[in-house]
Amino acid sequence: SASAFLVSPFDEAALLCIDYVGEHTATWMGRGQGTRLQLISAR
């Protein structure tokens, strides 16, 4: 999620990461603001 938000042109954005699997997370939803990423919910 950081790879998208921290190089994007947006200072603030909703974040959505959908993958096969990370450590255990397959879908991650959050909010990015400045240099901070905040988890909202996950599957």
Full PDB file with SEQRES, HELIX, SHEET, SSBOND, CRYST1, ORIGX, SCALE, CONECT and MASTER records, all heavy atoms in Angstrom:
SEQRES   1 A   43  SER ALA SER ALA PHE LEU VAL SER PRO PHE ASP GLU ALA          
SEQRES   2 A   43  ALA LEU LEU CYS ILE ASP TYR VAL GLY GLU HIS THR ALA          
SEQRES   3 A   43  THR TRP MET GLY ARG GLY GLN GLY THR ARG LEU GLN LEU          
SEQRES   4 A   43  ILE SER ALA ARG                                              
HELIX    1 AA1 ALA A    2  PHE A    5  1                                   4    
SHEET    1 AA1 3 GLU A  12  ILE A  18  0                                        
SHEET    2 AA1 3 THR A  27  GLN A  33 -1                                        
SHEET    3 AA1 3 ARG A  36  ALA A  42 -1                                        
CRYST1    1.000    1.000    1.000  90.00  90.00  90.00 P 1           1          
ORIGX1      1.000000  0.000000  0.000000        0.00000                         
ORIGX2      0.000000  1.000000  0.000000        0.00000                         
ORIGX3      0.000000  0.000000  1.000000        0.00000                         
SCALE1      1.000000  0.000000  0.000000        0.00000                         
SCALE2      0.000000  1.000000  0.000000        0.00000                         
SCALE3      0.000000  0.000000  1.000000        0.00000                         
ATOM      1  N   SER A   1       0.837  -1.209   0.000  1.00  0.00           N  
ATOM      2  CA  SER A   1       0.000   0.000   0.000  1.00  0.00           C  
ATOM      3  C   SER A   1       0.867   1.253   0.000  1.00  0.00           C  
ATOM      4  O   SER A   1       0.576   2.231  -0.697  1.00  0.00           O  
ATOM      5  CB  SER A   1      -0.925  -0.007   1.220  1.00  0.00           C  
ATOM      6  OG  SER A   1      -1.810  -1.102   1.176  1.00  0.00           O  
ATOM      7  N   ALA A   2       1.962   1.226   0.761  1.00  0.00           N  
ATOM      8  CA  ALA A   2       2.883   2.363   0.785  1.00  0.00           C  
ATOM      9  C   ALA A   2       3.507   2.590  -0.583  1.00  0.00           C  
ATOM     10  O   ALA A   2       3.758   3.731  -0.983  1.00  0.00           O  
ATOM     11  CB  ALA A   2       3.976   2.126   1.829  1.00  0.00           C  
ATOM     12  N   SER A   3       3.739   1.502  -1.332  1.00  0.00           N  
ATOM     13  CA  SER A   3       4.367   1.636  -2.647  1.00  0.00           C  
ATOM     14  C   SER A   3       3.504   2.435  -3.608  1.00  0.00           C  
ATOM     15  O   SER A   3       4.020   3.042  -4.549  1.00  0.00           O  
ATOM     16  CB  SER A   3       4.644   0.248  -3.245  1.00  0.00           C  
ATOM     17  OG  SER A   3       3.470  -0.348  -3.774  1.00  0.00           O  
ATOM     18  N   ALA A   4       2.209   2.428  -3.393  1.00  0.00           N  
ATOM     19  CA  ALA A   4       1.314   3.224  -4.235  1.00  0.00           C  
ATOM     20  C   ALA A   4       1.130   4.628  -3.667  1.00  0.00           C  
ATOM     21  O   ALA A   4       1.319   5.624  -4.362  1.00  0.00           O  
ATOM     22  CB  ALA A   4      -0.042   2.531  -4.381  1.00  0.00           C  
ATOM     23  N   PHE A   5       0.779   4.721  -2.389  1.00  0.00           N  
ATOM     24  CA  PHE A   5       0.418   6.019  -1.831  1.00  0.00           C  
ATOM     25  C   PHE A   5       1.596   6.970  -1.726  1.00  0.00           C  
ATOM     26  O   PHE A   5       1.502   8.153  -2.094  1.00  0.00           O  
ATOM     27  CB  PHE A   5      -0.217   5.835  -0.455  1.00  0.00           C  
ATOM     28  CG  PHE A   5      -0.523   7.136   0.239  1.00  0.00           C  
ATOM     29  CD1 PHE A   5      -1.397   8.062  -0.330  1.00  0.00           C  
ATOM     30  CD2 PHE A   5       0.081   7.457   1.440  1.00  0.00           C  
ATOM     31  CE1 PHE A   5      -1.668   9.275   0.300  1.00  0.00           C  
ATOM     32  CE2 PHE A   5      -0.186   8.659   2.074  1.00  0.00           C  
ATOM     33  CZ  PHE A   5      -1.059   9.569   1.497  1.00  0.00           C  
ATOM     34  N   LEU A   6       2.750   6.487  -1.247  1.00  0.00           N  
ATOM     35  CA  LEU A   6       3.865   7.392  -0.966  1.00  0.00           C  
ATOM     36  C   LEU A   6       4.566   7.899  -2.218  1.00  0.00           C  
ATOM     37  O   LEU A   6       5.400   8.803  -2.129  1.00  0.00           O  
ATOM     38  CB  LEU A   6       4.872   6.710  -0.033  1.00  0.00           C  
ATOM     39  CG  LEU A   6       4.349   6.405   1.384  1.00  0.00           C  
ATOM     40  CD1 LEU A   6       5.414   5.722   2.210  1.00  0.00           C  
ATOM     41  CD2 LEU A   6       3.857   7.675   2.076  1.00  0.00           C  
ATOM     42  N   VAL A   7       4.245   7.340  -3.385  1.00  0.00           N  
ATOM     43  CA  VAL A   7       4.789   7.879  -4.641  1.00  0.00           C  
ATOM     44  C   VAL A   7       3.685   8.463  -5.515  1.00  0.00           C  
ATOM     45  O   VAL A   7       3.930   8.838  -6.664  1.00  0.00           O  
ATOM     46  CB  VAL A   7       5.565   6.797  -5.429  1.00  0.00           C  
ATOM     47  CG1 VAL A   7       6.704   6.247  -4.599  1.00  0.00           C  
ATOM     48  CG2 VAL A   7       4.651   5.669  -5.904  1.00  0.00           C  
ATOM     49  N   SER A   8       2.481   8.543  -4.982  1.00  0.00           N  
ATOM     50  CA  SER A   8       1.343   9.068  -5.738  1.00  0.00           C  
ATOM     51  C   SER A   8       1.338  10.591  -5.700  1.00  0.00           C  
ATOM     52  O   SER A   8       2.034  11.205  -4.885  1.00  0.00           O  
ATOM     53  CB  SER A   8       0.032   8.537  -5.147  1.00  0.00           C  
ATOM     54  OG  SER A   8      -0.302   9.238  -3.955  1.00  0.00           O  
ATOM     55  N   PRO A   9       0.517  11.213  -6.550  1.00  0.00           N  
ATOM     56  CA  PRO A   9       0.399  12.669  -6.496  1.00  0.00           C  
ATOM     57  C   PRO A   9      -0.587  13.160  -5.438  1.00  0.00           C  
ATOM     58  O   PRO A   9      -0.858  14.355  -5.359  1.00  0.00           O  
ATOM     59  CB  PRO A   9      -0.107  13.020  -7.906  1.00  0.00           C  
ATOM     60  CG  PRO A   9      -0.866  11.819  -8.343  1.00  0.00           C  
ATOM     61  CD  PRO A   9      -0.177  10.637  -7.719  1.00  0.00           C  
ATOM     62  N   PHE A  10      -1.108  12.265  -4.591  1.00  0.00           N  
ATOM     63  CA  PHE A  10      -2.158  12.604  -3.635  1.00  0.00           C  
ATOM     64  C   PHE A  10      -1.581  12.791  -2.232  1.00  0.00           C  
ATOM     65  O   PHE A  10      -0.848  11.930  -1.732  1.00  0.00           O  
ATOM     66  CB  PHE A  10      -3.224  11.510  -3.582  1.00  0.00           C  
ATOM     67  CG  PHE A  10      -3.752  11.079  -4.929  1.00  0.00           C  
ATOM     68  CD1 PHE A  10      -4.072   9.754  -5.167  1.00  0.00           C  
ATOM     69  CD2 PHE A  10      -3.931  12.007  -5.954  1.00  0.00           C  
ATOM     70  CE1 PHE A  10      -4.572   9.347  -6.400  1.00  0.00           C  
ATOM     71  CE2 PHE A  10      -4.424  11.614  -7.193  1.00  0.00           C  
ATOM     72  CZ  PHE A  10      -4.736  10.269  -7.424  1.00  0.00           C  
ATOM     73  N   ASP A  11      -1.932  13.884  -1.575  1.00  0.00           N  
ATOM     74  CA  ASP A  11      -1.551  14.077  -0.175  1.00  0.00           C  
ATOM     75  C   ASP A  11      -2.417  13.240   0.756  1.00  0.00           C  
ATOM     76  O   ASP A  11      -1.994  12.886   1.860  1.00  0.00           O  
ATOM     77  CB  ASP A  11      -1.675  15.555   0.216  1.00  0.00           C  
ATOM     78  CG  ASP A  11      -0.649  16.425  -0.480  1.00  0.00           C  
ATOM     79  OD1 ASP A  11       0.465  15.919  -0.746  1.00  0.00           O  
ATOM     80  OD2 ASP A  11      -0.955  17.591  -0.777  1.00  0.00           O  
ATOM     81  N   GLU A  12      -3.635  12.952   0.299  1.00  0.00           N  
ATOM     82  CA  GLU A  12      -4.557  12.144   1.080  1.00  0.00           C  
ATOM     83  C   GLU A  12      -5.351  11.266   0.124  1.00  0.00           C  
ATOM     84  O   GLU A  12      -5.795  11.720  -0.925  1.00  0.00           O  
ATOM     85  CB  GLU A  12      -5.498  13.033   1.905  1.00  0.00           C  
ATOM     86  CG  GLU A  12      -6.384  12.264   2.861  1.00  0.00           C  
ATOM     87  CD  GLU A  12      -7.208  13.188   3.761  1.00  0.00           C  
ATOM     88  OE1 GLU A  12      -7.420  14.355   3.374  1.00  0.00           O  
ATOM     89  OE2 GLU A  12      -7.648  12.729   4.829  1.00  0.00           O  
ATOM     90  N   ALA A  13      -5.524   9.994   0.472  1.00  0.00           N  
ATOM     91  CA  ALA A  13      -6.232   9.079  -0.423  1.00  0.00           C  
ATOM     92  C   ALA A  13      -6.699   7.855   0.345  1.00  0.00           C  
ATOM     93  O   ALA A  13      -6.130   7.480   1.379  1.00  0.00           O  
ATOM     94  CB  ALA A  13      -5.328   8.652  -1.586  1.00  0.00           C  
ATOM     95  N   ALA A  14      -7.744   7.230  -0.177  1.00  0.00           N  
ATOM     96  CA  ALA A  14      -8.134   5.906   0.290  1.00  0.00           C  
ATOM     97  C   ALA A  14      -7.166   4.886  -0.293  1.00  0.00           C  
ATOM     98  O   ALA A  14      -6.645   5.067  -1.400  1.00  0.00           O  
ATOM     99  CB  ALA A  14      -9.566   5.595  -0.147  1.00  0.00           C  
ATOM    100  N   LEU A  15      -6.920   3.807   0.464  1.00  0.00           N  
ATOM    101  CA  LEU A  15      -5.938   2.808   0.055  1.00  0.00           C  
ATOM    102  C   LEU A  15      -6.596   1.440  -0.028  1.00  0.00           C  
ATOM    103  O   LEU A  15      -7.343   1.046   0.875  1.00  0.00           O  
ATOM    104  CB  LEU A  15      -4.780   2.742   1.058  1.00  0.00           C  
ATOM    105  CG  LEU A  15      -4.125   4.073   1.445  1.00  0.00           C  
ATOM    106  CD1 LEU A  15      -3.024   3.843   2.464  1.00  0.00           C  
ATOM    107  CD2 LEU A  15      -3.577   4.785   0.219  1.00  0.00           C  
ATOM    108  N   LEU A  16      -6.306   0.721  -1.108  1.00  0.00           N  
ATOM    109  CA  LEU A  16      -6.863  -0.618  -1.302  1.00  0.00           C  
ATOM    110  C   LEU A  16      -5.768  -1.520  -1.855  1.00  0.00           C  
ATOM    111  O   LEU A  16      -5.238  -1.265  -2.938  1.00  0.00           O  
ATOM    112  CB  LEU A  16      -8.050  -0.570  -2.264  1.00  0.00           C  
ATOM    113  CG  LEU A  16      -8.718  -1.910  -2.615  1.00  0.00           C  
ATOM    114  CD1 LEU A  16      -9.243  -2.591  -1.355  1.00  0.00           C  
ATOM    115  CD2 LEU A  16      -9.847  -1.690  -3.618  1.00  0.00           C  
ATOM    116  N   CYS A  17      -5.426  -2.548  -1.110  1.00  0.00           N  
ATOM    117  CA  CYS A  17      -4.429  -3.528  -1.541  1.00  0.00           C  
ATOM    118  C   CYS A  17      -5.103  -4.892  -1.652  1.00  0.00           C  
ATOM    119  O   CYS A  17      -5.651  -5.392  -0.661  1.00  0.00           O  
ATOM    120  CB  CYS A  17      -3.273  -3.581  -0.549  1.00  0.00           C  
ATOM    121  SG  CYS A  17      -1.988  -4.785  -0.992  1.00  0.00           S  
ATOM    122  N   ILE A  18      -5.089  -5.474  -2.843  1.00  0.00           N  
ATOM    123  CA  ILE A  18      -5.710  -6.779  -3.077  1.00  0.00           C  
ATOM    124  C   ILE A  18      -4.656  -7.695  -3.677  1.00  0.00           C  
ATOM    125  O   ILE A  18      -4.118  -7.413  -4.745  1.00  0.00           O  
ATOM    126  CB  ILE A  18      -6.913  -6.682  -4.035  1.00  0.00           C  
ATOM    127  CG1 ILE A  18      -7.843  -5.537  -3.638  1.00  0.00           C  
ATOM    128  CG2 ILE A  18      -7.687  -7.989  -4.055  1.00  0.00           C  
ATOM    129  CD1 ILE A  18      -8.965  -5.300  -4.625  1.00  0.00           C  
ATOM    130  N   ASP A  19      -4.389  -8.795  -2.991  1.00  0.00           N  
ATOM    131  CA  ASP A  19      -3.294  -9.650  -3.415  1.00  0.00           C  
ATOM    132  C   ASP A  19      -3.671 -11.107  -3.201  1.00  0.00           C  
ATOM    133  O   ASP A  19      -4.764 -11.438  -2.737  1.00  0.00           O  
ATOM    134  CB  ASP A  19      -2.041  -9.292  -2.619  1.00  0.00           C  
ATOM    135  CG  ASP A  19      -0.759  -9.558  -3.396  1.00  0.00           C  
ATOM    136  OD1 ASP A  19      -0.843 -10.140  -4.497  1.00  0.00           O  
ATOM    137  OD2 ASP A  19       0.306  -9.182  -2.907  1.00  0.00           O  
ATOM    138  N   TYR A  20      -2.731 -11.977  -3.543  1.00  0.00           N  
ATOM    139  CA  TYR A  20      -2.868 -13.403  -3.245  1.00  0.00           C  
ATOM    140  C   TYR A  20      -2.883 -13.569  -1.725  1.00  0.00           C  
ATOM    141  O   TYR A  20      -3.854 -13.993  -1.140  1.00  0.00           O  
ATOM    142  CB  TYR A  20      -1.709 -14.152  -3.894  1.00  0.00           C  
ATOM    143  CG  TYR A  20      -1.828 -15.658  -3.887  1.00  0.00           C  
ATOM    144  CD1 TYR A  20      -2.295 -16.338  -5.010  1.00  0.00           C  
ATOM    145  CD2 TYR A  20      -1.449 -16.397  -2.791  1.00  0.00           C  
ATOM    146  CE1 TYR A  20      -2.396 -17.721  -5.025  1.00  0.00           C  
ATOM    147  CE2 TYR A  20      -1.537 -17.776  -2.788  1.00  0.00           C  
ATOM    148  CZ  TYR A  20      -2.016 -18.438  -3.902  1.00  0.00           C  
ATOM    149  OH  TYR A  20      -2.108 -19.806  -3.907  1.00  0.00           O  
ATOM    150  N   VAL A  21      -1.793 -13.187  -1.091  1.00  0.00           N  
ATOM    151  CA  VAL A  21      -1.723 -13.145   0.363  1.00  0.00           C  
ATOM    152  C   VAL A  21      -0.415 -12.466   0.756  1.00  0.00           C  
ATOM    153  O   VAL A  21       0.596 -12.594   0.075  1.00  0.00           O  
ATOM    154  CB  VAL A  21      -1.802 -14.563   0.990  1.00  0.00           C  
ATOM    155  CG1 VAL A  21      -0.592 -15.400   0.614  1.00  0.00           C  
ATOM    156  CG2 VAL A  21      -1.966 -14.513   2.498  1.00  0.00           C  
ATOM    157  N   GLY A  22      -0.440 -11.693   1.855  1.00  0.00           N  
ATOM    158  CA  GLY A  22       0.788 -11.194   2.451  1.00  0.00           C  
ATOM    159  C   GLY A  22       1.224 -12.199   3.504  1.00  0.00           C  
ATOM    160  O   GLY A  22       1.271 -13.400   3.242  1.00  0.00           O  
ATOM    161  N   GLU A  23       1.552 -11.720   4.721  1.00  0.00           N  
ATOM    162  CA  GLU A  23       1.776 -12.700   5.783  1.00  0.00           C  
ATOM    163  C   GLU A  23       0.500 -13.500   6.024  1.00  0.00           C  
ATOM    164  O   GLU A  23       0.513 -14.714   6.132  1.00  0.00           O  
ATOM    165  CB  GLU A  23       2.216 -12.007   7.078  1.00  0.00           C  
ATOM    166  CG  GLU A  23       3.683 -11.634   7.108  1.00  0.00           C  
ATOM    167  CD  GLU A  23       3.941 -10.269   6.497  1.00  0.00           C  
ATOM    168  OE1 GLU A  23       2.979  -9.635   6.021  1.00  0.00           O  
ATOM    169  OE2 GLU A  23       5.110  -9.837   6.485  1.00  0.00           O  
ATOM    170  N   HIS A  24      -0.601 -12.805   6.118  1.00  0.00           N  
ATOM    171  CA  HIS A  24      -1.903 -13.459   6.257  1.00  0.00           C  
ATOM    172  C   HIS A  24      -3.028 -12.633   5.648  1.00  0.00           C  
ATOM    173  O   HIS A  24      -4.144 -13.108   5.511  1.00  0.00           O  
ATOM    174  CB  HIS A  24      -2.218 -13.741   7.736  1.00  0.00           C  
ATOM    175  CG  HIS A  24      -2.148 -12.512   8.602  1.00  0.00           C  
ATOM    176  ND1 HIS A  24      -0.978 -12.107   9.207  1.00  0.00           N  
ATOM    177  CD2 HIS A  24      -3.083 -11.609   8.951  1.00  0.00           C  
ATOM    178  CE1 HIS A  24      -1.208 -10.992   9.896  1.00  0.00           C  
ATOM    179  NE2 HIS A  24      -2.471 -10.669   9.760  1.00  0.00           N  
ATOM    180  N   THR A  25      -2.748 -11.396   5.265  1.00  0.00           N  
ATOM    181  CA  THR A  25      -3.782 -10.501   4.757  1.00  0.00           C  
ATOM    182  C   THR A  25      -3.887 -10.616   3.242  1.00  0.00           C  
ATOM    183  O   THR A  25      -2.885 -10.555   2.536  1.00  0.00           O  
ATOM    184  CB  THR A  25      -3.477  -9.042   5.146  1.00  0.00           C  
ATOM    185  OG1 THR A  25      -3.354  -8.958   6.560  1.00  0.00           O  
ATOM    186  CG2 THR A  25      -4.578  -8.117   4.670  1.00  0.00           C  
ATOM    187  N   ALA A  26      -5.123 -10.768   2.746  1.00  0.00           N  
ATOM    188  CA  ALA A  26      -5.368 -10.844   1.305  1.00  0.00           C  
ATOM    189  C   ALA A  26      -5.929  -9.528   0.762  1.00  0.00           C  
ATOM    190  O   ALA A  26      -5.622  -9.145  -0.364  1.00  0.00           O  
ATOM    191  CB  ALA A  26      -6.330 -11.988   0.991  1.00  0.00           C  
ATOM    192  N   THR A  27      -6.764  -8.861   1.548  1.00  0.00           N  
ATOM    193  CA  THR A  27      -7.321  -7.560   1.154  1.00  0.00           C  
ATOM    194  C   THR A  27      -7.146  -6.592   2.317  1.00  0.00           C  
ATOM    195  O   THR A  27      -7.516  -6.917   3.458  1.00  0.00           O  
ATOM    196  CB  THR A  27      -8.803  -7.682   0.779  1.00  0.00           C  
ATOM    197  OG1 THR A  27      -8.931  -8.543  -0.360  1.00  0.00           O  
ATOM    198  CG2 THR A  27      -9.396  -6.325   0.438  1.00  0.00           C  
ATOM    199  N   TRP A  28      -6.580  -5.434   2.035  1.00  0.00           N  
ATOM    200  CA  TRP A  28      -6.263  -4.435   3.060  1.00  0.00           C  
ATOM    201  C   TRP A  28      -6.840  -3.099   2.615  1.00  0.00           C  
ATOM    202  O   TRP A  28      -6.575  -2.647   1.507  1.00  0.00           O  
ATOM    203  CB  TRP A  28      -4.756  -4.352   3.207  1.00  0.00           C  
ATOM    204  CG  TRP A  28      -4.189  -3.554   4.352  1.00  0.00           C  
ATOM    205  CD1 TRP A  28      -3.767  -4.028   5.547  1.00  0.00           C  
ATOM    206  CD2 TRP A  28      -3.932  -2.132   4.382  1.00  0.00           C  
ATOM    207  NE1 TRP A  28      -3.268  -3.012   6.320  1.00  0.00           N  
ATOM    208  CE2 TRP A  28      -3.365  -1.838   5.635  1.00  0.00           C  
ATOM    209  CE3 TRP A  28      -4.148  -1.092   3.476  1.00  0.00           C  
ATOM    210  CZ2 TRP A  28      -2.991  -0.555   6.002  1.00  0.00           C  
ATOM    211  CZ3 TRP A  28      -3.783   0.202   3.845  1.00  0.00           C  
ATOM    212  CH2 TRP A  28      -3.208   0.455   5.088  1.00  0.00           C  
ATOM    213  N   MET A  29      -7.642  -2.484   3.476  1.00  0.00           N  
ATOM    214  CA  MET A  29      -8.220  -1.181   3.157  1.00  0.00           C  
ATOM    215  C   MET A  29      -7.804  -0.178   4.223  1.00  0.00           C  
ATOM    216  O   MET A  29      -7.809  -0.484   5.418  1.00  0.00           O  
ATOM    217  CB  MET A  29      -9.746  -1.263   3.076  1.00  0.00           C  
ATOM    218  CG  MET A  29     -10.247  -2.204   1.998  1.00  0.00           C  
ATOM    219  SD  MET A  29     -11.976  -1.911   1.534  1.00  0.00           S  
ATOM    220  CE  MET A  29     -12.807  -2.159   3.082  1.00  0.00           C  
ATOM    221  N   GLY A  30      -7.435   1.004   3.759  1.00  0.00           N  
ATOM    222  CA  GLY A  30      -6.975   1.992   4.716  1.00  0.00           C  
ATOM    223  C   GLY A  30      -7.080   3.406   4.177  1.00  0.00           C  
ATOM    224  O   GLY A  30      -7.732   3.669   3.163  1.00  0.00           O  
ATOM    225  N   ARG A  31      -6.388   4.272   4.878  1.00  0.00           N  
ATOM    226  CA  ARG A  31      -6.389   5.694   4.539  1.00  0.00           C  
ATOM    227  C   ARG A  31      -4.954   6.193   4.627  1.00  0.00           C  
ATOM    228  O   ARG A  31      -4.225   5.867   5.564  1.00  0.00           O  
ATOM    229  CB  ARG A  31      -7.290   6.452   5.528  1.00  0.00           C  
ATOM    230  CG  ARG A  31      -7.382   7.952   5.282  1.00  0.00           C  
ATOM    231  CD  ARG A  31      -8.149   8.614   6.425  1.00  0.00           C  
ATOM    232  NE  ARG A  31      -8.533   9.978   6.084  1.00  0.00           N  
ATOM    233  CZ  ARG A  31      -9.782  10.407   6.003  1.00  0.00           C  
ATOM    234  NH1 ARG A  31     -10.774   9.575   6.256  1.00  0.00           N  
ATOM    235  NH2 ARG A  31     -10.048  11.653   5.679  1.00  0.00           N  
ATOM    236  N   GLY A  32      -4.538   6.975   3.637  1.00  0.00           N  
ATOM    237  CA  GLY A  32      -3.221   7.578   3.655  1.00  0.00           C  
ATOM    238  C   GLY A  32      -3.323   9.077   3.790  1.00  0.00           C  
ATOM    239  O   GLY A  32      -4.160   9.710   3.130  1.00  0.00           O  
ATOM    240  N   GLN A  33      -2.488   9.632   4.648  1.00  0.00           N  
ATOM    241  CA  GLN A  33      -2.483  11.084   4.848  1.00  0.00           C  
ATOM    242  C   GLN A  33      -1.053  11.518   5.134  1.00  0.00           C  
ATOM    243  O   GLN A  33      -0.443  11.040   6.091  1.00  0.00           O  
ATOM    244  CB  GLN A  33      -3.405  11.461   6.008  1.00  0.00           C  
ATOM    245  CG  GLN A  33      -3.660  12.958   6.142  1.00  0.00           C  
ATOM    246  CD  GLN A  33      -4.763  13.238   7.148  1.00  0.00           C  
ATOM    247  OE1 GLN A  33      -5.046  12.437   8.026  1.00  0.00           O  
ATOM    248  NE2 GLN A  33      -5.398  14.394   7.024  1.00  0.00           N  
ATOM    249  N   GLY A  34      -0.519  12.373   4.251  1.00  0.00           N  
ATOM    250  CA  GLY A  34       0.870  12.786   4.418  1.00  0.00           C  
ATOM    251  C   GLY A  34       1.796  11.597   4.223  1.00  0.00           C  
ATOM    252  O   GLY A  34       1.873  11.032   3.137  1.00  0.00           O  
ATOM    253  N   THR A  35       2.486  11.208   5.300  1.00  0.00           N  
ATOM    254  CA  THR A  35       3.349  10.022   5.244  1.00  0.00           C  
ATOM    255  C   THR A  35       2.815   8.892   6.123  1.00  0.00           C  
ATOM    256  O   THR A  35       3.499   7.896   6.338  1.00  0.00           O  
ATOM    257  CB  THR A  35       4.780  10.381   5.708  1.00  0.00           C  
ATOM    258  OG1 THR A  35       4.722  10.867   7.054  1.00  0.00           O  
ATOM    259  CG2 THR A  35       5.397  11.435   4.798  1.00  0.00           C  
ATOM    260  N   ARG A  36       1.591   9.040   6.594  1.00  0.00           N  
ATOM    261  CA  ARG A  36       0.995   8.038   7.486  1.00  0.00           C  
ATOM    262  C   ARG A  36      -0.003   7.179   6.729  1.00  0.00           C  
ATOM    263  O   ARG A  36      -0.792   7.666   5.919  1.00  0.00           O  
ATOM    264  CB  ARG A  36       0.296   8.702   8.676  1.00  0.00           C  
ATOM    265  CG  ARG A  36       1.222   9.448   9.621  1.00  0.00           C  
ATOM    266  CD  ARG A  36       0.461  10.044  10.793  1.00  0.00           C  
ATOM    267  NE  ARG A  36      -0.193   9.028  11.600  1.00  0.00           N  
ATOM    268  CZ  ARG A  36      -1.510   8.847  11.636  1.00  0.00           C  
ATOM    269  NH1 ARG A  36      -2.313   9.599  10.906  1.00  0.00           N  
ATOM    270  NH2 ARG A  36      -2.022   7.910  12.412  1.00  0.00           N  
ATOM    271  N   LEU A  37       0.016   5.866   7.044  1.00  0.00           N  
ATOM    272  CA  LEU A  37      -0.951   4.924   6.511  1.00  0.00           C  
ATOM    273  C   LEU A  37      -1.713   4.307   7.677  1.00  0.00           C  
ATOM    274  O   LEU A  37      -1.100   3.827   8.647  1.00  0.00           O  
ATOM    275  CB  LEU A  37      -0.266   3.807   5.710  1.00  0.00           C  
ATOM    276  CG  LEU A  37       0.202   4.150   4.290  1.00  0.00           C  
ATOM    277  CD1 LEU A  37       1.440   5.030   4.308  1.00  0.00           C  
ATOM    278  CD2 LEU A  37       0.486   2.871   3.506  1.00  0.00           C  
ATOM    279  N   GLN A  38      -3.018   4.322   7.590  1.00  0.00           N  
ATOM    280  CA  GLN A  38      -3.862   3.846   8.677  1.00  0.00           C  
ATOM    281  C   GLN A  38      -4.753   2.718   8.180  1.00  0.00           C  
ATOM    282  O   GLN A  38      -5.451   2.858   7.165  1.00  0.00           O  
ATOM    283  CB  GLN A  38      -4.724   4.991   9.219  1.00  0.00           C  
ATOM    284  CG  GLN A  38      -5.734   4.564  10.278  1.00  0.00           C  
ATOM    285  CD  GLN A  38      -6.693   5.683  10.631  1.00  0.00           C  
ATOM    286  OE1 GLN A  38      -6.624   6.775  10.055  1.00  0.00           O  
ATOM    287  NE2 GLN A  38      -7.600   5.418  11.555  1.00  0.00           N  
ATOM    288  N   LEU A  39      -4.752   1.590   8.869  1.00  0.00           N  
ATOM    289  CA  LEU A  39      -5.614   0.464   8.531  1.00  0.00           C  
ATOM    290  C   LEU A  39      -7.047   0.764   8.932  1.00  0.00           C  
ATOM    291  O   LEU A  39      -7.304   1.246  10.033  1.00  0.00           O  
ATOM    292  CB  LEU A  39      -5.122  -0.801   9.249  1.00  0.00           C  
ATOM    293  CG  LEU A  39      -6.049  -2.022   9.193  1.00  0.00           C  
ATOM    294  CD1 LEU A  39      -6.145  -2.564   7.767  1.00  0.00           C  
ATOM    295  CD2 LEU A  39      -5.571  -3.109  10.155  1.00  0.00           C  
ATOM    296  N   ILE A  40      -7.972   0.462   8.014  1.00  0.00           N  
ATOM    297  CA  ILE A  40      -9.397   0.564   8.324  1.00  0.00           C  
ATOM    298  C   ILE A  40      -9.994  -0.821   8.540  1.00  0.00           C  
ATOM    299  O   ILE A  40     -10.656  -1.085   9.541  1.00  0.00           O  
ATOM    300  CB  ILE A  40     -10.146   1.320   7.212  1.00  0.00           C  
ATOM    301  CG1 ILE A  40      -9.705   2.782   7.176  1.00  0.00           C  
ATOM    302  CG2 ILE A  40     -11.660   1.224   7.403  1.00  0.00           C  
ATOM    303  CD1 ILE A  40     -10.325   3.595   6.061  1.00  0.00           C  
ATOM    304  N   SER A  41      -9.766  -1.722   7.596  1.00  0.00           N  
ATOM    305  CA  SER A  41     -10.265  -3.091   7.736  1.00  0.00           C  
ATOM    306  C   SER A  41      -9.489  -3.993   6.800  1.00  0.00           C  
ATOM    307  O   SER A  41      -8.825  -3.528   5.863  1.00  0.00           O  
ATOM    308  CB  SER A  41     -11.769  -3.171   7.444  1.00  0.00           C  
ATOM    309  OG  SER A  41     -12.068  -2.596   6.194  1.00  0.00           O  
ATOM    310  N   ALA A  42      -9.598  -5.303   7.036  1.00  0.00           N  
ATOM    311  CA  ALA A  42      -8.842  -6.265   6.241  1.00  0.00           C  
ATOM    312  C   ALA A  42      -9.595  -7.576   6.165  1.00  0.00           C  
ATOM    313  O   ALA A  42     -10.465  -7.870   6.989  1.00  0.00           O  
ATOM    314  CB  ALA A  42      -7.453  -6.483   6.847  1.00  0.00           C  
ATOM    315  N   ARG A  43      -9.239  -8.363   5.147  1.00  0.00           N  
ATOM    316  CA  ARG A  43      -9.778  -9.718   4.973  1.00  0.00           C  
ATOM    317  C   ARG A  43      -8.589 -10.649   4.811  1.00  0.00           C  
ATOM    318  O   ARG A  43      -7.708 -10.407   3.972  1.00  0.00           O  
ATOM    319  CB  ARG A  43     -10.678  -9.788   3.737  1.00  0.00           C  
ATOM    320  CG  ARG A  43     -11.599 -11.013   3.724  1.00  0.00           C  
ATOM    321  CD  ARG A  43     -12.761 -10.785   4.669  1.00  0.00           C  
ATOM    322  NE  ARG A  43     -13.706 -11.895   4.608  1.00  0.00           N  
ATOM    323  CZ  ARG A  43     -13.741 -12.890   5.495  1.00  0.00           C  
ATOM    324  NH1 ARG A  43     -12.841 -12.940   6.461  1.00  0.00           N  
ATOM    325  NH2 ARG A  43     -14.655 -13.839   5.418  1.00  0.00           N  
TER     326      ARG A  43                                                      
MASTER        0    0    0    1    3    0    0    6  325    1    0    4          
END                                                                             
